[in-house]
Amino acid sequence: MPDLFPTTHATWLETELLERPDSARAHVMSRYAEPLAAYIRASSLRALGEPNELVNDFLASRLADGAYLARWSASGLPLRRWLVNGLIAHARNRADTESRRRATNAAVDPAHVADSTETSALLALERAWAMRAMIEAHDRVRSELDADGKSAWWELSRLHSVHGIAYADATRATGLSLASASHINRVVATRLREALAAILLRDGIRADDIDRELATMQDLLSG
């Protein structure tokens, strides 16, 4: 299966690792825990335990090693792929340990757990990661518009773009003029795209790969 996303190159996260390692670890926990759990739920790893517990155990173990993310930055892999590879190894090692400790047929046989990434599970991971980025962008733009006294702009865009409500009805609901509706919707859409691009750049996506990444995210979320 070809990579759904281009290889990332650490920029913002590398700086955080050097200057604010606790912030870097918190960033990874908050952005990647749910996508990794989605991977487990769609893969053979789900036989090894509760997804969130497995992910938390993995991240707590790996992120306690100050060099772990530094090794990622030299790997050339997208962070989510680096993490899922580590998650697979961690889960299998844990299953091996548990199997030896129990020495009974009750333990999950690690041989029944894939030792490499699984296609359907990778799609689940990528879709969850894209959704996490989209939610963050929406929250950011909505907060900015609220702060600017333009909450109605967000509501109009939501009604029209998300729910398919005609401008005439959306403007009546928001108190905005019909003449300005199209312009307002374009402004909000542009700000959302800019917010998404900023999130991707922060996480190390090359600037010249942003358009392709955004298009792939849209395909994943609409599929």
Protein backbone atom coordinates (compact mmCIF):
# COMPACT_ATOMS: atom_id res chain seq x y z
CA MET A 1 0.00 0.00 0.00
CA PRO A 2 1.56 3.36 -0.97
CA ASP A 3 1.84 6.06 1.65
CA LEU A 4 -1.35 8.09 1.84
CA PHE A 5 0.70 11.08 2.94
CA PRO A 6 4.17 12.32 2.04
CA THR A 7 7.07 11.81 4.41
CA THR A 8 7.18 14.54 7.00
CA HIS A 9 10.22 16.55 8.00
CA ALA A 10 10.38 17.72 11.59
CA THR A 11 10.37 21.48 12.05
CA TRP A 12 8.17 22.78 14.86
CA LEU A 13 8.33 19.51 16.78
CA GLU A 14 12.12 19.37 16.54
CA THR A 15 12.29 22.82 18.11
CA GLU A 16 9.90 21.74 20.86
CA LEU A 17 12.01 18.66 21.53
CA LEU A 18 15.09 20.78 22.01
CA GLU A 19 13.56 23.65 23.96
CA ARG A 20 10.37 22.30 25.58
CA PRO A 21 10.45 18.49 25.66
CA ASP A 22 7.41 18.27 27.95
CA SER A 23 5.41 20.31 25.44
CA ALA A 24 6.55 18.04 22.60
CA ARG A 25 5.44 14.93 24.48
CA ALA A 26 2.08 16.50 25.38
CA HIS A 27 1.58 17.43 21.72
CA VAL A 28 2.15 13.85 20.59
CA MET A 29 -0.16 12.45 23.28
CA SER A 30 -3.01 14.82 22.40
CA ARG A 31 -2.75 14.52 18.61
CA TYR A 32 -1.86 10.88 18.08
CA ALA A 33 -3.45 8.85 20.90
CA GLU A 34 -6.84 8.56 19.21
CA PRO A 35 -5.48 7.76 15.71
CA LEU A 36 -3.32 5.02 17.24
CA ALA A 37 -6.32 3.65 19.13
CA ALA A 38 -8.25 3.66 15.84
CA TYR A 39 -5.45 1.60 14.31
CA ILE A 40 -5.69 -0.97 17.11
CA ARG A 41 -9.46 -1.25 16.81
CA ALA A 42 -9.12 -2.07 13.09
CA SER A 43 -6.15 -4.43 13.42
CA SER A 44 -5.23 -7.76 14.98
CA LEU A 45 -3.73 -5.82 17.90
CA ARG A 46 -7.24 -5.49 19.33
CA ALA A 47 -6.88 -9.06 20.62
CA LEU A 48 -4.19 -7.84 23.01
CA GLY A 49 -6.32 -5.52 25.10
CA GLU A 50 -8.35 -2.33 25.33
CA PRO A 51 -7.12 0.09 22.62
CA ASN A 52 -6.83 3.25 24.73
CA GLU A 53 -5.02 1.37 27.49
CA LEU A 54 -2.57 -0.14 25.00
CA VAL A 55 -1.90 3.26 23.43
CA ASN A 56 -1.43 5.03 26.76
CA ASP A 57 0.96 2.31 27.94
CA PHE A 58 2.94 2.56 24.70
CA LEU A 59 3.16 6.35 24.65
CA ALA A 60 4.02 6.60 28.35
CA SER A 61 6.81 4.09 27.85
CA ARG A 62 8.28 5.57 24.69
CA LEU A 63 7.87 9.26 25.45
CA ALA A 64 9.61 8.79 28.78
CA ASP A 65 12.73 8.21 26.67
CA GLY A 66 14.00 11.67 25.79
CA ALA A 67 15.70 10.31 22.67
CA TYR A 68 12.65 8.55 21.24
CA LEU A 69 11.24 11.48 19.28
CA ALA A 70 14.75 12.57 18.34
CA ARG A 71 15.20 9.17 16.68
CA TRP A 72 11.96 9.74 14.79
CA SER A 73 13.19 13.08 13.46
CA ALA A 74 16.15 11.26 11.90
CA SER A 75 14.06 8.38 10.54
CA GLY A 76 12.47 10.08 7.52
CA LEU A 77 9.09 8.56 8.44
CA PRO A 78 5.84 10.41 9.03
CA LEU A 79 5.38 10.61 12.79
CA ARG A 80 2.15 8.60 12.71
CA ARG A 81 3.92 5.79 10.82
CA TRP A 82 6.88 5.89 13.22
CA LEU A 83 4.50 5.68 16.15
CA VAL A 84 2.38 2.86 14.74
CA ASN A 85 5.48 0.80 13.97
CA GLY A 86 6.59 1.30 17.56
CA LEU A 87 3.11 0.48 18.83
CA ILE A 88 3.10 -2.86 16.98
CA ALA A 89 6.49 -3.82 18.41
CA HIS A 90 5.48 -2.69 21.91
CA ALA A 91 2.20 -4.62 21.84
CA ARG A 92 3.81 -7.80 20.58
CA ASN A 93 6.56 -7.58 23.19
CA ARG A 94 3.93 -7.13 25.87
CA ALA A 95 2.02 -10.14 24.56
CA ASP A 96 5.20 -12.22 24.58
CA THR A 97 5.88 -11.24 28.18
CA GLU A 98 2.31 -11.96 29.24
CA SER A 99 2.34 -15.31 27.46
CA ARG A 100 5.51 -16.39 29.24
CA ARG A 101 4.22 -15.14 32.58
CA ARG A 102 0.94 -16.99 32.36
CA ALA A 103 2.24 -20.08 30.58
CA THR A 104 -1.38 -21.01 29.84
CA ASN A 105 -3.61 -21.14 26.80
CA ALA A 106 -5.49 -18.12 28.16
CA ALA A 107 -2.85 -15.71 26.94
CA VAL A 108 -3.13 -14.30 23.43
CA ASP A 109 -0.72 -16.06 21.10
CA PRO A 110 1.57 -13.33 19.67
CA ALA A 111 1.83 -15.43 16.51
CA HIS A 112 -1.78 -14.45 15.78
CA VAL A 113 -0.91 -10.76 15.85
CA ALA A 114 0.51 -9.10 12.73
CA ASP A 115 4.12 -8.00 13.04
CA SER A 116 3.74 -5.28 10.39
CA THR A 117 1.14 -2.67 9.50
CA GLU A 118 -2.26 -3.80 8.20
CA THR A 119 -3.86 -1.95 5.29
CA SER A 120 -7.38 -1.49 6.68
CA ALA A 121 -5.96 -0.44 10.03
CA LEU A 122 -3.69 2.12 8.38
CA LEU A 123 -6.71 3.64 6.68
CA ALA A 124 -8.44 3.86 10.06
CA LEU A 125 -5.38 5.58 11.54
CA GLU A 126 -5.09 8.08 8.69
CA ARG A 127 -8.80 8.87 8.79
CA ALA A 128 -8.73 9.44 12.57
CA TRP A 129 -5.62 11.61 12.25
CA ALA A 130 -7.23 13.70 9.52
CA MET A 131 -10.38 14.12 11.61
CA ARG A 132 -8.30 15.24 14.60
CA ALA A 133 -6.58 17.90 12.49
CA MET A 134 -9.90 19.05 11.00
CA ILE A 135 -11.53 19.41 14.42
CA GLU A 136 -8.58 21.43 15.69
CA ALA A 137 -8.78 23.76 12.67
CA HIS A 138 -12.54 24.23 13.10
CA ASP A 139 -12.15 24.98 16.80
CA ARG A 140 -9.41 27.50 16.08
CA VAL A 141 -11.32 29.41 13.40
CA ARG A 142 -14.54 29.41 15.39
CA SER A 143 -12.73 30.80 18.44
CA GLU A 144 -11.09 33.50 16.34
CA LEU A 145 -14.41 34.53 14.81
CA ASP A 146 -16.06 34.56 18.24
CA ALA A 147 -13.27 36.80 19.51
CA ASP A 148 -13.80 39.14 16.54
CA GLY A 149 -17.52 39.38 17.23
CA LYS A 150 -18.29 37.38 14.08
CA SER A 151 -19.91 34.28 15.55
CA ALA A 152 -22.70 34.63 12.99
CA TRP A 153 -20.14 34.18 10.21
CA TRP A 154 -19.21 30.76 11.55
CA GLU A 155 -22.85 29.79 11.95
CA LEU A 156 -23.69 30.82 8.38
CA SER A 157 -20.78 28.81 7.02
CA ARG A 158 -21.77 25.81 9.12
CA LEU A 159 -25.38 25.95 8.01
CA HIS A 160 -24.53 26.34 4.33
CA SER A 161 -21.35 24.27 3.90
CA VAL A 162 -22.01 21.48 6.39
CA HIS A 163 -25.78 21.18 6.37
CA GLY A 164 -26.46 22.34 2.81
CA ILE A 165 -28.91 25.05 3.84
CA ALA A 166 -29.52 27.70 1.18
CA TYR A 167 -27.99 31.13 1.74
CA ALA A 168 -31.45 32.71 1.96
CA ASP A 169 -32.43 30.47 4.87
CA ALA A 170 -28.99 30.64 6.51
CA THR A 171 -28.98 34.44 6.47
CA ARG A 172 -32.43 34.58 8.01
CA ALA A 173 -31.23 32.28 10.80
CA THR A 174 -28.07 34.30 11.45
CA GLY A 175 -29.26 37.84 10.82
CA LEU A 176 -26.69 38.42 8.08
CA SER A 177 -27.47 39.97 4.71
CA LEU A 178 -28.03 37.73 1.72
CA ALA A 179 -25.76 39.97 -0.37
CA SER A 180 -22.79 39.22 1.90
CA ALA A 181 -23.42 35.49 2.39
CA SER A 182 -21.22 34.17 -0.41
CA HIS A 183 -18.33 36.44 0.58
CA ILE A 184 -18.60 35.45 4.24
CA ASN A 185 -18.62 31.76 3.39
CA ARG A 186 -15.50 32.16 1.23
CA VAL A 187 -13.71 34.02 4.02
CA VAL A 188 -14.49 31.30 6.54
CA ALA A 189 -13.44 28.56 4.09
CA THR A 190 -10.16 30.36 3.43
CA ARG A 191 -9.47 30.74 7.13
CA LEU A 192 -10.18 27.06 7.68
CA ARG A 193 -7.74 26.11 4.95
CA GLU A 194 -5.11 28.42 6.41
CA ALA A 195 -5.65 26.93 9.86
CA LEU A 196 -5.27 23.41 8.49
CA ALA A 197 -2.13 24.37 6.61
CA ALA A 198 -0.66 25.86 9.78
CA ILE A 199 -1.43 22.66 11.69
CA LEU A 200 0.23 20.54 9.02
CA LEU A 201 3.28 22.78 8.84
CA ARG A 202 3.58 22.68 12.62
CA ASP A 203 3.64 18.91 12.48
CA GLY A 204 6.37 18.88 9.88
CA ILE A 205 4.65 18.66 6.50
CA ARG A 206 6.64 20.36 3.75
CA ALA A 207 5.06 23.54 2.42
CA ASP A 208 5.04 22.20 -1.14
CA ASP A 209 3.14 19.10 0.02
CA ILE A 210 0.35 20.98 1.78
CA ASP A 211 -2.08 21.02 -1.17
CA ARG A 212 -1.67 17.30 -1.77
CA GLU A 213 -2.05 16.54 1.92
CA LEU A 214 -5.22 18.62 2.18
CA ALA A 215 -6.71 16.89 -0.86
CA THR A 216 -5.94 13.47 0.59
CA MET A 217 -7.46 14.45 3.91
CA GLN A 218 -10.62 15.56 2.12
CA ASP A 219 -10.81 12.23 0.30
CA LEU A 220 -10.36 10.31 3.54
CA LEU A 221 -13.02 12.27 5.40
CA SER A 222 -15.55 12.13 2.59
CA GLY A 223 -15.00 8.44 1.89
